[in-house]
Protein backbone atom coordinates (compact mmCIF):
# COMPACT_ATOMS: atom_id res chain seq x y z
CA ALA A 1 -6.73 8.64 -15.55
CA ALA A 2 -6.98 5.23 -13.91
CA PRO A 3 -3.76 4.18 -12.12
CA THR A 4 -4.38 0.49 -12.83
CA ALA A 5 -1.42 -1.25 -14.48
CA SER A 6 0.70 1.91 -14.57
CA SER A 7 4.00 2.48 -12.79
CA THR A 8 3.78 6.21 -13.62
CA ALA A 9 0.11 6.97 -12.99
CA ALA A 10 -1.21 10.51 -13.42
CA GLY A 11 -3.48 12.38 -11.03
CA HIS A 12 -3.68 12.15 -7.25
CA LEU A 13 -3.11 8.79 -5.56
CA ALA A 14 -1.97 6.72 -2.62
CA ALA A 15 -1.14 3.15 -3.63
CA PHE A 16 0.94 0.05 -3.18
CA ARG A 17 2.99 -0.75 -6.26
CA TYR A 18 5.15 -3.40 -7.77
CA ALA A 19 5.88 -2.99 -11.46
CA THR A 20 8.31 -5.34 -13.18
CA ASP A 21 9.20 -2.61 -15.71
CA THR A 22 10.51 -0.17 -13.06
CA ASP A 23 11.02 -2.06 -9.78
CA GLY A 24 14.06 -4.30 -9.86
CA ALA A 25 13.76 -6.10 -6.51
CA ALA A 26 10.68 -7.98 -5.29
CA PHE A 27 9.68 -5.60 -2.49
CA TRP A 28 6.45 -3.64 -2.15
CA ARG A 29 6.57 0.04 -3.09
CA CYS A 30 4.39 2.71 -1.48
CA ALA A 31 3.49 5.66 -3.66
CA THR A 32 1.73 8.97 -3.23
CA ARG A 33 1.15 11.61 -5.88
CA ASP A 34 -0.06 15.19 -5.46
CA GLY A 35 -1.14 15.59 -9.08
CA SER A 36 2.31 16.43 -10.44
CA THR A 37 5.04 14.73 -8.38
CA THR A 38 5.25 11.12 -7.20
CA ASN A 39 6.87 10.05 -3.92
CA THR A 40 7.82 6.35 -3.90
CA THR A 41 9.28 4.38 -0.99
CA THR A 42 10.69 0.87 -1.30
CA THR A 43 9.67 -1.16 1.76
CA THR A 44 11.52 -4.04 3.39
CA ALA A 45 8.42 -6.23 2.89
CA ALA A 46 9.27 -8.84 0.27
CA ILE A 47 6.70 -10.08 -2.24
CA ALA A 48 6.32 -13.85 -2.31
CA THR A 49 4.44 -15.68 -5.06
CA GLY A 50 1.34 -17.45 -3.81
CA THR A 51 1.19 -15.44 -0.58
CA GLU A 52 -1.86 -13.40 0.42
CA TYR A 53 -1.34 -9.97 1.97
CA VAL A 54 -3.64 -7.54 3.75
CA LEU A 55 -2.74 -4.11 2.35
CA ARG A 56 -4.10 -1.00 4.08
CA ILE A 57 -3.59 2.70 3.43
CA GLU A 58 -4.65 5.34 5.96
CA LEU A 59 -4.87 8.95 4.79
CA SER A 60 -5.07 12.16 6.78
CA ALA A 61 -4.44 15.79 5.91
CA ALA A 62 -0.82 15.54 7.15
CA ARG A 63 0.29 12.01 6.21
CA VAL A 64 -0.36 8.75 4.42
CA GLU A 65 0.46 5.53 6.27
CA PHE A 66 0.96 2.17 4.53
CA PHE A 67 0.41 -1.14 6.34
CA ILE A 68 1.09 -4.71 5.21
CA ASP A 69 -0.46 -7.38 7.42
CA ASP A 70 -1.08 -4.67 10.09
CA LEU A 71 2.60 -3.65 10.17
CA LEU A 72 3.44 -0.02 9.33
CA VAL A 73 5.88 -0.23 6.40
CA ALA A 74 6.00 3.39 5.19
CA GLU A 75 4.75 6.88 5.93
CA HIS A 76 4.61 9.80 3.50
CA THR A 77 4.27 13.45 4.53
CA THR A 78 5.06 14.97 1.12
CA GLN A 79 3.42 14.70 -2.31
CA LEU A 80 0.11 13.83 -0.63
CA PRO A 81 -3.00 13.32 -2.76
CA GLY A 82 -5.52 16.18 -2.73
């Protein structure tokens, strides 16, 4: 299933998320999913209307790293996508 426009996407994924239906504060979320369980981290990077961001995700066999404007904002070592 496509994860677009879903705060509870199925399948395997590594993604940045902000969903007004589930995320109360305006901060970026970093999510990974191993096919059954989702790991979500709320970052300290605020979302500002009208601001452009460079979002980058780096995946390896042991971790997923999330960068916003070249700053590491989260790292996941569990619930990694296959």
